[in-house]
Amino acid sequence: MIDLWWLPRALVLGLLAFVIFGPLTNLVLWTVAERWYFPNALPMSYGFGFWARVFSPRGNAMEALGNSVLVAMLTVILALALAIPAGFALARLRLPFRGLVLLAFLLPQAFPNLPVYVNIARVFYQLGLNGTILGVVLVHMTHGLVFAVWIATAAFSAVDVELEQAARSVGASAIRTFRDITLPLAMPGLMASAIFVFLESLDEFAGSYFVGAPDVNMLPLLLYTASGGGNYQIASITALVLLVPSIGFMLVVERFLKSDVLSKVGH
């Protein structure tokens, strides 16, 4: 009798592989498909003609990629600059209405994006921020700050207060205790929030459209334009290009999260 104990596990793993890699495989096929029409299961011809169109001087792909990465990095820096002190205060200080303060950061998520961004765009127009990198960064922070503050608060809450008290008892100042003890221990959580903020910013379309377009060219705008026009090859190439900074940023953060690197923080 044949033992088939492995069959259910193989079926589950195969299904998971199809769900995860199936769409990505289809995306890659579209990037090199010169002609692909129904009912053909595979492209009728292959080539890199659409790649040349995307990366031609008239394609604006490199400018959009540079703007998207720049905006995402600035959003991460500004969000963490606000989230670190806010998260530390919410985790350590006995603030009145602490729960309400945390809920206040969720307000941008409580409303549909469209009316929120339309009103932000109206205010930014009066302030001269429409069509600027700074304006796009600020509108991306309306959502990114939510992840940053909540995760930073959880990260600082997980740090043992007795470690800080032990450092203070041997003469360390409050600033040095925070730099050498609290911050390194909370760093994995802070880096996790950086990943969320970076990916959220890199993928943000509505805020980029209402505040940045047409002066600030972003990859999500190119992706939407190509998809809306039925040009699936260019849309797929743009989506694939959009994956590159996301994967690169996560690899850098993963390297930073290793214990040998974290042990050097603050020294």
C-alpha atoms as a PDB file:
ATOM      1  CA  MET A   1       0.000   0.000   0.000  1.00  0.00           C
ATOM      2  CA  ILE A   2       1.401   3.378  -1.025  1.00  0.00           C
ATOM      3  CA  ASP A   3       1.772   5.917   1.776  1.00  0.00           C
ATOM      4  CA  LEU A   4       0.275   9.226   0.633  1.00  0.00           C
ATOM      5  CA  TRP A   5       0.684  11.171   3.882  1.00  0.00           C
ATOM      6  CA  TRP A   6       2.597  13.849   2.005  1.00  0.00           C
ATOM      7  CA  LEU A   7      -0.139  14.493  -0.570  1.00  0.00           C
ATOM      8  CA  PRO A   8      -2.312  16.964   1.438  1.00  0.00           C
ATOM      9  CA  ARG A   9       0.778  18.929   2.449  1.00  0.00           C
ATOM     10  CA  ALA A  10       1.997  19.014  -1.164  1.00  0.00           C
ATOM     11  CA  LEU A  11      -1.413  20.213  -2.358  1.00  0.00           C
ATOM     12  CA  VAL A  12      -1.499  22.999   0.229  1.00  0.00           C
ATOM     13  CA  LEU A  13       2.057  24.087  -0.579  1.00  0.00           C
ATOM     14  CA  GLY A  14       1.311  23.971  -4.298  1.00  0.00           C
ATOM     15  CA  LEU A  15      -1.809  26.088  -3.826  1.00  0.00           C
ATOM     16  CA  LEU A  16       0.122  28.621  -1.746  1.00  0.00           C
ATOM     17  CA  ALA A  17       2.877  28.759  -4.372  1.00  0.00           C
ATOM     18  CA  PHE A  18       0.289  29.364  -7.090  1.00  0.00           C
ATOM     19  CA  VAL A  19      -1.426  32.133  -5.111  1.00  0.00           C
ATOM     20  CA  ILE A  20       1.892  33.842  -4.311  1.00  0.00           C
ATOM     21  CA  PHE A  21       3.884  33.341  -7.505  1.00  0.00           C
ATOM     22  CA  GLY A  22       1.061  33.048 -10.048  1.00  0.00           C
ATOM     23  CA  PRO A  23       0.274  36.781 -10.258  1.00  0.00           C
ATOM     24  CA  LEU A  24       3.982  37.645 -10.217  1.00  0.00           C
ATOM     25  CA  THR A  25       4.663  35.199 -13.061  1.00  0.00           C
ATOM     26  CA  ASN A  26       1.812  36.714 -15.058  1.00  0.00           C
ATOM     27  CA  LEU A  27       3.234  40.175 -14.379  1.00  0.00           C
ATOM     28  CA  VAL A  28       6.683  39.155 -15.625  1.00  0.00           C
ATOM     29  CA  LEU A  29       5.193  37.580 -18.762  1.00  0.00           C
ATOM     30  CA  TRP A  30       3.345  40.805 -19.571  1.00  0.00           C
ATOM     31  CA  THR A  31       6.597  42.786 -19.332  1.00  0.00           C
ATOM     32  CA  VAL A  32       8.123  40.823 -22.242  1.00  0.00           C
ATOM     33  CA  ALA A  33       4.947  40.178 -24.241  1.00  0.00           C
ATOM     34  CA  GLU A  34       4.921  41.948 -27.600  1.00  0.00           C
ATOM     35  CA  ARG A  35       1.538  40.444 -28.517  1.00  0.00           C
ATOM     36  CA  TRP A  36      -0.801  38.540 -26.202  1.00  0.00           C
ATOM     37  CA  TYR A  37      -4.453  38.099 -27.054  1.00  0.00           C
ATOM     38  CA  PHE A  38      -7.267  35.885 -25.792  1.00  0.00           C
ATOM     39  CA  PRO A  39      -7.561  32.857 -25.867  1.00  0.00           C
ATOM     40  CA  ASN A  40      -3.790  32.273 -25.972  1.00  0.00           C
ATOM     41  CA  ALA A  41      -2.443  30.999 -22.632  1.00  0.00           C
ATOM     42  CA  LEU A  42       1.012  32.465 -23.330  1.00  0.00           C
ATOM     43  CA  PRO A  43       2.236  35.502 -25.262  1.00  0.00           C
ATOM     44  CA  MET A  44       2.270  35.118 -29.028  1.00  0.00           C
ATOM     45  CA  SER A  45       5.615  36.924 -29.323  1.00  0.00           C
ATOM     46  CA  TYR A  46       8.263  38.134 -26.903  1.00  0.00           C
ATOM     47  CA  GLY A  47      10.541  41.156 -26.883  1.00  0.00           C
ATOM     48  CA  PHE A  48      11.796  44.183 -24.975  1.00  0.00           C
ATOM     49  CA  GLY A  49      10.241  46.878 -27.123  1.00  0.00           C
ATOM     50  CA  PHE A  50       7.999  48.143 -24.333  1.00  0.00           C
ATOM     51  CA  TRP A  51      10.983  48.288 -21.963  1.00  0.00           C
ATOM     52  CA  ALA A  52      12.680  50.630 -24.421  1.00  0.00           C
ATOM     53  CA  ARG A  53       9.557  52.806 -24.518  1.00  0.00           C
ATOM     54  CA  VAL A  54       9.303  52.990 -20.731  1.00  0.00           C
ATOM     55  CA  PHE A  55      12.956  53.927 -20.214  1.00  0.00           C
ATOM     56  CA  SER A  56      13.230  56.257 -23.195  1.00  0.00           C
ATOM     57  CA  PRO A  57      13.790  59.972 -22.409  1.00  0.00           C
ATOM     58  CA  ARG A  58      10.110  60.573 -23.181  1.00  0.00           C
ATOM     59  CA  GLY A  59       8.988  57.768 -20.877  1.00  0.00           C
ATOM     60  CA  ASN A  60       9.678  59.636 -17.602  1.00  0.00           C
ATOM     61  CA  ALA A  61      10.093  56.321 -15.772  1.00  0.00           C
ATOM     62  CA  MET A  62      13.459  57.171 -14.224  1.00  0.00           C
ATOM     63  CA  GLU A  63      12.235  60.584 -13.088  1.00  0.00           C
ATOM     64  CA  ALA A  64       9.132  58.981 -11.580  1.00  0.00           C
ATOM     65  CA  LEU A  65      11.238  56.307  -9.869  1.00  0.00           C
ATOM     66  CA  GLY A  66      13.576  58.925  -8.406  1.00  0.00           C
ATOM     67  CA  ASN A  67      10.672  61.046  -7.167  1.00  0.00           C
ATOM     68  CA  SER A  68       8.907  58.028  -5.647  1.00  0.00           C
ATOM     69  CA  VAL A  69      12.004  56.862  -3.755  1.00  0.00           C
ATOM     70  CA  LEU A  70      12.839  60.406  -2.616  1.00  0.00           C
ATOM     71  CA  VAL A  71       9.316  61.031  -1.341  1.00  0.00           C
ATOM     72  CA  ALA A  72       9.204  57.643   0.415  1.00  0.00           C
ATOM     73  CA  MET A  73      12.557  58.209   2.145  1.00  0.00           C
ATOM     74  CA  LEU A  74      11.611  61.733   3.257  1.00  0.00           C
ATOM     75  CA  THR A  75       8.267  60.429   4.515  1.00  0.00           C
ATOM     76  CA  VAL A  76      10.043  57.757   6.572  1.00  0.00           C
ATOM     77  CA  ILE A  77      12.517  60.273   8.038  1.00  0.00           C
ATOM     78  CA  LEU A  78       9.855  62.817   8.998  1.00  0.00           C
ATOM     79  CA  ALA A  79       7.435  60.169  10.281  1.00  0.00           C
ATOM     80  CA  LEU A  80      10.084  58.590  12.533  1.00  0.00           C
ATOM     81  CA  ALA A  81      11.259  62.018  13.692  1.00  0.00           C
ATOM     82  CA  LEU A  82       7.741  62.603  15.025  1.00  0.00           C
ATOM     83  CA  ALA A  83       6.910  59.020  16.002  1.00  0.00           C
ATOM     84  CA  ILE A  84       9.976  58.362  18.192  1.00  0.00           C
ATOM     85  CA  PRO A  85       9.339  61.148  20.745  1.00  0.00           C
ATOM     86  CA  ALA A  86       5.573  60.663  20.508  1.00  0.00           C
ATOM     87  CA  GLY A  87       5.823  56.900  20.942  1.00  0.00           C
ATOM     88  CA  PHE A  88       8.246  57.233  23.852  1.00  0.00           C
ATOM     89  CA  ALA A  89       5.991  59.744  25.593  1.00  0.00           C
ATOM     90  CA  LEU A  90       2.886  57.606  25.076  1.00  0.00           C
ATOM     91  CA  ALA A  91       4.703  54.500  26.337  1.00  0.00           C
ATOM     92  CA  ARG A  92       6.478  55.971  29.356  1.00  0.00           C
ATOM     93  CA  LEU A  93       4.574  59.029  30.576  1.00  0.00           C
ATOM     94  CA  ARG A  94       1.272  58.801  32.383  1.00  0.00           C
ATOM     95  CA  LEU A  95      -0.545  61.125  30.032  1.00  0.00           C
ATOM     96  CA  PRO A  96      -4.220  61.940  30.534  1.00  0.00           C
ATOM     97  CA  PHE A  97      -6.479  60.582  27.786  1.00  0.00           C
ATOM     98  CA  ARG A  98      -3.634  58.462  26.409  1.00  0.00           C
ATOM     99  CA  GLY A  99      -6.091  56.171  24.649  1.00  0.00           C
ATOM    100  CA  LEU A 100      -7.817  59.106  22.973  1.00  0.00           C
ATOM    101  CA  VAL A 101      -4.472  60.454  21.780  1.00  0.00           C
ATOM    102  CA  LEU A 102      -3.662  57.116  20.152  1.00  0.00           C
ATOM    103  CA  LEU A 103      -7.112  56.982  18.584  1.00  0.00           C
ATOM    104  CA  ALA A 104      -6.604  60.500  17.219  1.00  0.00           C
ATOM    105  CA  PHE A 105      -3.779  59.192  15.049  1.00  0.00           C
ATOM    106  CA  LEU A 106      -6.286  56.801  13.469  1.00  0.00           C
ATOM    107  CA  LEU A 107      -8.595  59.599  12.294  1.00  0.00           C
ATOM    108  CA  PRO A 108      -7.122  59.735   8.755  1.00  0.00           C
ATOM    109  CA  GLN A 109      -7.946  56.020   8.437  1.00  0.00           C
ATOM    110  CA  ALA A 110     -11.515  56.506   9.649  1.00  0.00           C
ATOM    111  CA  PHE A 111     -12.626  58.439   6.558  1.00  0.00           C
ATOM    112  CA  PRO A 112     -12.528  57.576   2.851  1.00  0.00           C
ATOM    113  CA  ASN A 113      -9.291  58.698   1.223  1.00  0.00           C
ATOM    114  CA  LEU A 114     -10.934  60.715  -1.533  1.00  0.00           C
ATOM    115  CA  PRO A 115     -12.600  63.485   0.542  1.00  0.00           C
ATOM    116  CA  VAL A 116      -9.568  63.657   2.854  1.00  0.00           C
ATOM    117  CA  TYR A 117      -7.132  64.188  -0.015  1.00  0.00           C
ATOM    118  CA  VAL A 118      -9.426  66.613  -1.838  1.00  0.00           C
ATOM    119  CA  ASN A 119      -9.593  68.859   1.229  1.00  0.00           C
ATOM    120  CA  ILE A 120      -5.847  68.537   1.849  1.00  0.00           C
ATOM    121  CA  ALA A 121      -5.213  69.511  -1.777  1.00  0.00           C
ATOM    122  CA  ARG A 122      -7.426  72.571  -1.349  1.00  0.00           C
ATOM    123  CA  VAL A 123      -5.511  73.700   1.745  1.00  0.00           C
ATOM    124  CA  PHE A 124      -2.146  72.962   0.128  1.00  0.00           C
ATOM    125  CA  TYR A 125      -3.148  75.000  -2.937  1.00  0.00           C
ATOM    126  CA  GLN A 126      -3.694  78.028  -0.721  1.00  0.00           C
ATOM    127  CA  LEU A 127      -0.318  77.411   0.951  1.00  0.00           C
ATOM    128  CA  GLY A 128       1.511  76.934  -2.343  1.00  0.00           C
ATOM    129  CA  LEU A 129       2.362  73.287  -1.603  1.00  0.00           C
ATOM    130  CA  ASN A 130       0.481  71.722  -4.512  1.00  0.00           C
ATOM    131  CA  GLY A 131       2.823  70.335  -7.135  1.00  0.00           C
ATOM    132  CA  THR A 132       5.824  70.192  -4.776  1.00  0.00           C
ATOM    133  CA  ILE A 133       7.832  67.350  -3.276  1.00  0.00           C
ATOM    134  CA  LEU A 134       7.184  68.732   0.218  1.00  0.00           C
ATOM    135  CA  GLY A 135       3.441  68.731  -0.373  1.00  0.00           C
ATOM    136  CA  VAL A 136       3.479  65.103  -1.525  1.00  0.00           C
ATOM    137  CA  VAL A 137       5.604  64.088   1.483  1.00  0.00           C
ATOM    138  CA  LEU A 138       3.198  65.781   3.888  1.00  0.00           C
ATOM    139  CA  VAL A 139       0.127  64.159   2.357  1.00  0.00           C
ATOM    140  CA  HIS A 140       1.831  60.755   2.496  1.00  0.00           C
ATOM    141  CA  MET A 141       2.501  61.321   6.187  1.00  0.00           C
ATOM    142  CA  THR A 142      -1.225  61.517   6.934  1.00  0.00           C
ATOM    143  CA  HIS A 143      -1.288  57.722   6.666  1.00  0.00           C
ATOM    144  CA  GLY A 144       2.343  56.872   7.366  1.00  0.00           C
ATOM    145  CA  LEU A 145       2.322  58.588  10.743  1.00  0.00           C
ATOM    146  CA  VAL A 146      -0.430  56.244  11.927  1.00  0.00           C
ATOM    147  CA  PHE A 147       1.797  53.176  11.475  1.00  0.00           C
ATOM    148  CA  ALA A 148       4.858  54.941  12.833  1.00  0.00           C
ATOM    149  CA  VAL A 149       3.291  56.208  16.079  1.00  0.00           C
ATOM    150  CA  TRP A 150       1.382  53.036  16.936  1.00  0.00           C
ATOM    151  CA  ILE A 151       4.326  50.717  16.266  1.00  0.00           C
ATOM    152  CA  ALA A 152       6.776  53.053  18.031  1.00  0.00           C
ATOM    153  CA  THR A 153       4.511  53.145  21.089  1.00  0.00           C
ATOM    154  CA  ALA A 154       4.376  49.345  21.155  1.00  0.00           C
ATOM    155  CA  ALA A 155       8.156  49.108  20.658  1.00  0.00           C
ATOM    156  CA  PHE A 156       8.955  51.425  23.571  1.00  0.00           C
ATOM    157  CA  SER A 157       6.326  49.753  25.769  1.00  0.00           C
ATOM    158  CA  ALA A 158       8.084  46.416  25.227  1.00  0.00           C
ATOM    159  CA  VAL A 159      11.391  47.749  26.609  1.00  0.00           C
ATOM    160  CA  ASP A 160      11.866  46.729  30.258  1.00  0.00           C
ATOM    161  CA  VAL A 161      11.756  49.824  32.454  1.00  0.00           C
ATOM    162  CA  GLU A 162      14.072  48.139  34.971  1.00  0.00           C
ATOM    163  CA  LEU A 163      16.904  48.233  32.425  1.00  0.00           C
ATOM    164  CA  GLU A 164      16.529  51.990  32.167  1.00  0.00           C
ATOM    165  CA  GLN A 165      16.379  52.315  35.955  1.00  0.00           C
ATOM    166  CA  ALA A 166      19.541  50.217  36.294  1.00  0.00           C
ATOM    167  CA  ALA A 167      21.378  52.498  33.869  1.00  0.00           C
ATOM    168  CA  ARG A 168      20.215  55.586  35.740  1.00  0.00           C
ATOM    169  CA  SER A 169      21.298  54.054  39.077  1.00  0.00           C
ATOM    170  CA  VAL A 170      24.928  53.804  37.902  1.00  0.00           C
ATOM    171  CA  GLY A 171      25.024  57.448  36.860  1.00  0.00           C
ATOM    172  CA  ALA A 172      23.834  57.464  33.247  1.00  0.00           C
ATOM    173  CA  SER A 173      21.926  60.565  32.244  1.00  0.00           C
ATOM    174  CA  ALA A 174      18.410  60.371  30.839  1.00  0.00           C
ATOM    175  CA  ILE A 175      19.678  61.142  27.335  1.00  0.00           C
ATOM    176  CA  ARG A 176      22.430  58.519  27.484  1.00  0.00           C
ATOM    177  CA  THR A 177      20.020  55.933  28.891  1.00  0.00           C
ATOM    178  CA  PHE A 178      17.668  56.583  26.006  1.00  0.00           C
ATOM    179  CA  ARG A 179      20.503  56.481  23.443  1.00  0.00           C
ATOM    180  CA  ASP A 180      22.338  53.397  24.741  1.00  0.00           C
ATOM    181  CA  ILE A 181      19.528  51.316  26.279  1.00  0.00           C
ATOM    182  CA  THR A 182      16.026  52.271  25.194  1.00  0.00           C
ATOM    183  CA  LEU A 183      16.578  53.164  21.555  1.00  0.00           C
ATOM    184  CA  PRO A 184      18.622  50.057  20.583  1.00  0.00           C
ATOM    185  CA  LEU A 185      16.087  47.747  22.242  1.00  0.00           C
ATOM    186  CA  ALA A 186      13.204  49.485  20.483  1.00  0.00           C
ATOM    187  CA  MET A 187      15.018  49.653  17.147  1.00  0.00           C
ATOM    188  CA  PRO A 188      13.510  46.463  15.612  1.00  0.00           C
ATOM    189  CA  GLY A 189      10.026  47.873  16.117  1.00  0.00           C
ATOM    190  CA  LEU A 190      11.053  51.265  14.766  1.00  0.00           C
ATOM    191  CA  MET A 191      12.566  49.658  11.680  1.00  0.00           C
ATOM    192  CA  ALA A 192       9.366  47.663  11.197  1.00  0.00           C
ATOM    193  CA  SER A 193       7.418  50.924  11.252  1.00  0.00           C
ATOM    194  CA  ALA A 194       9.887  52.351   8.722  1.00  0.00           C
ATOM    195  CA  ILE A 195       9.087  49.454   6.367  1.00  0.00           C
ATOM    196  CA  PHE A 196       5.346  50.073   6.673  1.00  0.00           C
ATOM    197  CA  VAL A 197       5.725  53.814   6.079  1.00  0.00           C
ATOM    198  CA  PHE A 198       8.082  53.312   3.116  1.00  0.00           C
ATOM    199  CA  LEU A 199       5.818  50.796   1.384  1.00  0.00           C
ATOM    200  CA  GLU A 200       2.705  52.860   2.107  1.00  0.00           C
ATOM    201  CA  SER A 201       4.323  55.958   0.606  1.00  0.00           C
ATOM    202  CA  LEU A 202       5.756  54.147  -2.405  1.00  0.00           C
ATOM    203  CA  ASP A 203       2.335  52.725  -3.276  1.00  0.00           C
ATOM    204  CA  GLU A 204       0.264  55.851  -2.561  1.00  0.00           C
ATOM    205  CA  PHE A 205      -1.702  56.956  -5.616  1.00  0.00           C
ATOM    206  CA  ALA A 206      -4.584  59.164  -4.470  1.00  0.00           C
ATOM    207  CA  GLY A 207      -2.481  61.565  -2.384  1.00  0.00           C
ATOM    208  CA  SER A 208       0.170  61.780  -5.104  1.00  0.00           C
ATOM    209  CA  TYR A 209      -2.496  62.508  -7.711  1.00  0.00           C
ATOM    210  CA  PHE A 210      -4.404  65.236  -5.879  1.00  0.00           C
ATOM    211  CA  VAL A 211      -1.357  67.032  -4.461  1.00  0.00           C
ATOM    212  CA  GLY A 212       1.507  66.198  -6.822  1.00  0.00           C
ATOM    213  CA  ALA A 213       0.100  65.809 -10.338  1.00  0.00           C
ATOM    214  CA  PRO A 214       1.045  66.919 -12.908  1.00  0.00           C
ATOM    215  CA  ASP A 215       4.220  68.612 -11.617  1.00  0.00           C
ATOM    216  CA  VAL A 216       5.557  65.764  -9.442  1.00  0.00           C
ATOM    217  CA  ASN A 217       5.728  62.613 -11.545  1.00  0.00           C
ATOM    218  CA  MET A 218       5.381  59.425  -9.465  1.00  0.00           C
ATOM    219  CA  LEU A 219       5.444  55.737 -10.418  1.00  0.00           C
ATOM    220  CA  PRO A 220       1.899  55.003  -9.133  1.00  0.00           C
ATOM    221  CA  LEU A 221       0.623  57.758 -11.438  1.00  0.00           C
ATOM    222  CA  LEU A 222       2.361  56.165 -14.434  1.00  0.00           C
ATOM    223  CA  LEU A 223       0.998  52.766 -13.417  1.00  0.00           C
ATOM    224  CA  TYR A 224      -2.564  54.087 -13.181  1.00  0.00           C
ATOM    225  CA  THR A 225      -2.323  55.928 -16.504  1.00  0.00           C
ATOM    226  CA  ALA A 226      -0.987  52.856 -18.314  1.00  0.00           C
ATOM    227  CA  SER A 227      -3.576  50.540 -16.730  1.00  0.00           C
ATOM    228  CA  GLY A 228      -6.432  52.916 -17.508  1.00  0.00           C
ATOM    229  CA  GLY A 229      -5.310  53.089 -21.126  1.00  0.00           C
ATOM    230  CA  GLY A 230      -5.252  49.307 -21.480  1.00  0.00           C
ATOM    231  CA  ASN A 231      -1.484  49.186 -22.026  1.00  0.00           C
ATOM    232  CA  TYR A 232      -0.790  46.193 -19.808  1.00  0.00           C
ATOM    233  CA  GLN A 233       2.828  45.838 -20.916  1.00  0.00           C
ATOM    234  CA  ILE A 234       3.810  49.311 -19.744  1.00  0.00           C
ATOM    235  CA  ALA A 235       1.688  48.943 -16.603  1.00  0.00           C
ATOM    236  CA  SER A 236       3.405  45.631 -15.782  1.00  0.00           C
ATOM    237  CA  ILE A 237       6.879  47.071 -16.373  1.00  0.00           C
ATOM    238  CA  THR A 238       6.055  50.025 -14.124  1.00  0.00           C
ATOM    239  CA  ALA A 239       4.760  47.673 -11.416  1.00  0.00           C
ATOM    240  CA  LEU A 240       7.924  45.580 -11.662  1.00  0.00           C
ATOM    241  CA  VAL A 241      10.095  48.688 -11.384  1.00  0.00           C
ATOM    242  CA  LEU A 242       8.044  49.698  -8.344  1.00  0.00           C
ATOM    243  CA  LEU A 243       9.043  46.425  -6.664  1.00  0.00           C
ATOM    244  CA  VAL A 244      12.774  47.175  -6.898  1.00  0.00           C
ATOM    245  CA  PRO A 245      13.034  49.948  -4.255  1.00  0.00           C
ATOM    246  CA  SER A 246      10.610  48.061  -1.994  1.00  0.00           C
ATOM    247  CA  ILE A 247      12.732  44.901  -2.030  1.00  0.00           C
ATOM    248  CA  GLY A 248      15.962  46.902  -1.724  1.00  0.00           C
ATOM    249  CA  PHE A 249      14.687  48.857   1.278  1.00  0.00           C
ATOM    250  CA  MET A 250      13.504  45.690   3.038  1.00  0.00           C
ATOM    251  CA  LEU A 251      16.866  43.990   2.437  1.00  0.00           C
ATOM    252  CA  VAL A 252      18.702  46.965   3.957  1.00  0.00           C
ATOM    253  CA  VAL A 253      16.383  47.011   6.969  1.00  0.00           C
ATOM    254  CA  GLU A 254      16.691  43.222   7.372  1.00  0.00           C
ATOM    255  CA  ARG A 255      20.469  43.619   7.507  1.00  0.00           C
ATOM    256  CA  PHE A 256      20.101  46.400  10.057  1.00  0.00           C
ATOM    257  CA  LEU A 257      17.821  44.302  12.246  1.00  0.00           C
ATOM    258  CA  LYS A 258      20.475  41.626  12.774  1.00  0.00           C
ATOM    259  CA  SER A 259      21.798  41.435  16.298  1.00  0.00           C
ATOM    260  CA  ASP A 260      25.410  42.207  15.402  1.00  0.00           C
ATOM    261  CA  VAL A 261      24.361  45.512  13.877  1.00  0.00           C
ATOM    262  CA  LEU A 262      21.901  46.420  16.630  1.00  0.00           C
ATOM    263  CA  SER A 263      24.573  45.806  19.256  1.00  0.00           C
ATOM    264  CA  LYS A 264      26.600  48.674  17.801  1.00  0.00           C
ATOM    265  CA  VAL A 265      23.789  51.224  17.951  1.00  0.00           C
ATOM    266  CA  GLY A 266      24.603  53.961  20.451  1.00  0.00           C
ATOM    267  CA  HIS A 267      28.328  53.130  20.634  1.00  0.00           C
END
